Amino acid sequence: MAVLQVRNMADDLYGALGRRAALDNRSISQEVIEIIKNYLATPRTRRGGDEEALQMAGSWDESRSADEIASQLRQERTTRRIHEAF
């Protein structure tokens, strides 16, 4: 069986973990295992991390393909260089 060691955990976080473990009549190690198991059992789309990040940052709505966008960028770079030279 694997062993996991966590270093430099903030005292308040460790205390909260201990209180949560006590409420569930578990050791801190048992509580950590349960938290990890529950987290990993939740589908990634329901965890919220990726979706929340997209909502906060906004998402890109583009109908053009990546090739079309790249082509336009290349054309603009070439055009700008020509205009800046004159």
Protein backbone atom coordinates (compact mmCIF):
# COMPACT_ATOMS: atom_id res chain seq x y z
CA MET A 1 0.00 0.00 0.00
CA ALA A 2 1.29 3.46 -0.91
CA VAL A 3 2.20 6.13 1.62
CA LEU A 4 1.53 9.82 1.02
CA GLN A 5 3.30 12.50 3.02
CA VAL A 6 2.20 16.13 2.88
CA ARG A 7 4.65 18.79 3.99
CA ASN A 8 4.25 22.46 4.81
CA MET A 9 0.50 22.31 5.41
CA ALA A 10 -0.84 25.45 7.06
CA ASP A 11 -1.81 24.93 10.70
CA ASP A 12 -5.34 26.25 10.16
CA LEU A 13 -5.89 23.84 7.25
CA TYR A 14 -4.62 20.92 9.31
CA GLY A 15 -6.88 21.95 12.17
CA ALA A 16 -9.92 22.14 9.90
CA LEU A 17 -9.07 18.72 8.52
CA GLY A 18 -8.80 17.35 12.04
CA ARG A 19 -12.17 18.82 13.03
CA ARG A 20 -13.80 17.38 9.93
CA ALA A 21 -12.25 13.98 10.62
CA ALA A 22 -13.53 14.06 14.21
CA LEU A 23 -17.07 14.80 13.01
CA ASP A 24 -16.91 11.67 10.85
CA ASN A 25 -15.20 9.60 13.59
CA ARG A 26 -12.17 9.09 11.38
CA SER A 27 -8.46 9.66 11.67
CA ILE A 28 -7.01 12.50 9.65
CA SER A 29 -5.48 9.96 7.26
CA GLN A 30 -8.84 8.23 6.78
CA GLU A 31 -10.54 11.59 6.20
CA VAL A 32 -7.98 12.62 3.57
CA ILE A 33 -8.52 9.32 1.74
CA GLU A 34 -12.30 9.85 1.77
CA ILE A 35 -11.98 13.42 0.50
CA ILE A 36 -9.72 12.30 -2.35
CA LYS A 37 -11.96 9.33 -3.23
CA ASN A 38 -15.06 11.57 -3.32
CA TYR A 39 -13.28 14.18 -5.41
CA LEU A 40 -12.02 11.65 -7.94
CA ALA A 41 -15.42 9.93 -8.12
CA THR A 42 -17.04 13.22 -9.20
CA PRO A 43 -17.00 13.64 -12.98
CA ARG A 44 -14.57 16.34 -14.02
CA THR A 45 -17.30 18.42 -15.66
CA ARG A 46 -19.11 18.65 -12.33
CA ARG A 47 -16.05 19.67 -10.31
CA GLY A 48 -16.35 23.14 -11.68
CA GLY A 49 -12.71 24.09 -12.04
CA ASP A 50 -12.54 24.26 -15.81
CA GLU A 51 -16.05 25.61 -16.30
CA GLU A 52 -15.64 28.24 -13.61
CA ALA A 53 -12.37 29.39 -15.14
CA LEU A 54 -14.02 29.73 -18.55
CA GLN A 55 -16.92 31.70 -17.08
CA MET A 56 -14.59 34.05 -15.22
CA ALA A 57 -12.28 34.61 -18.18
CA GLY A 58 -14.91 34.44 -20.88
CA SER A 59 -14.79 32.05 -23.76
CA TRP A 60 -13.75 32.50 -27.34
CA ASP A 61 -16.62 32.29 -29.81
CA GLU A 62 -15.10 31.91 -33.26
CA SER A 63 -16.64 30.38 -36.35
CA ARG A 64 -13.39 30.33 -38.35
CA SER A 65 -11.10 27.31 -38.32
CA ALA A 66 -7.67 27.45 -36.73
CA ASP A 67 -6.12 27.40 -40.22
CA GLU A 68 -8.18 30.42 -41.28
CA ILE A 69 -7.18 32.37 -38.17
CA ALA A 70 -3.51 31.46 -38.62
CA SER A 71 -3.65 32.49 -42.27
CA GLN A 72 -5.11 35.88 -41.37
CA LEU A 73 -2.47 36.43 -38.69
CA ARG A 74 0.32 35.60 -41.13
CA GLN A 75 -1.15 37.97 -43.71
CA GLU A 76 -1.49 40.80 -41.18
CA ARG A 77 2.09 40.35 -40.00
CA THR A 78 3.38 40.55 -43.57
CA THR A 79 1.17 43.54 -44.39
CA ARG A 80 2.25 45.41 -41.25
CA ARG A 81 5.94 44.88 -42.01
CA ILE A 82 5.50 46.24 -45.52
CA HIS A 83 3.57 49.31 -44.29
CA GLU A 84 6.04 49.99 -41.46
CA ALA A 85 8.98 49.86 -43.87
CA PHE A 86 7.59 52.72 -45.98
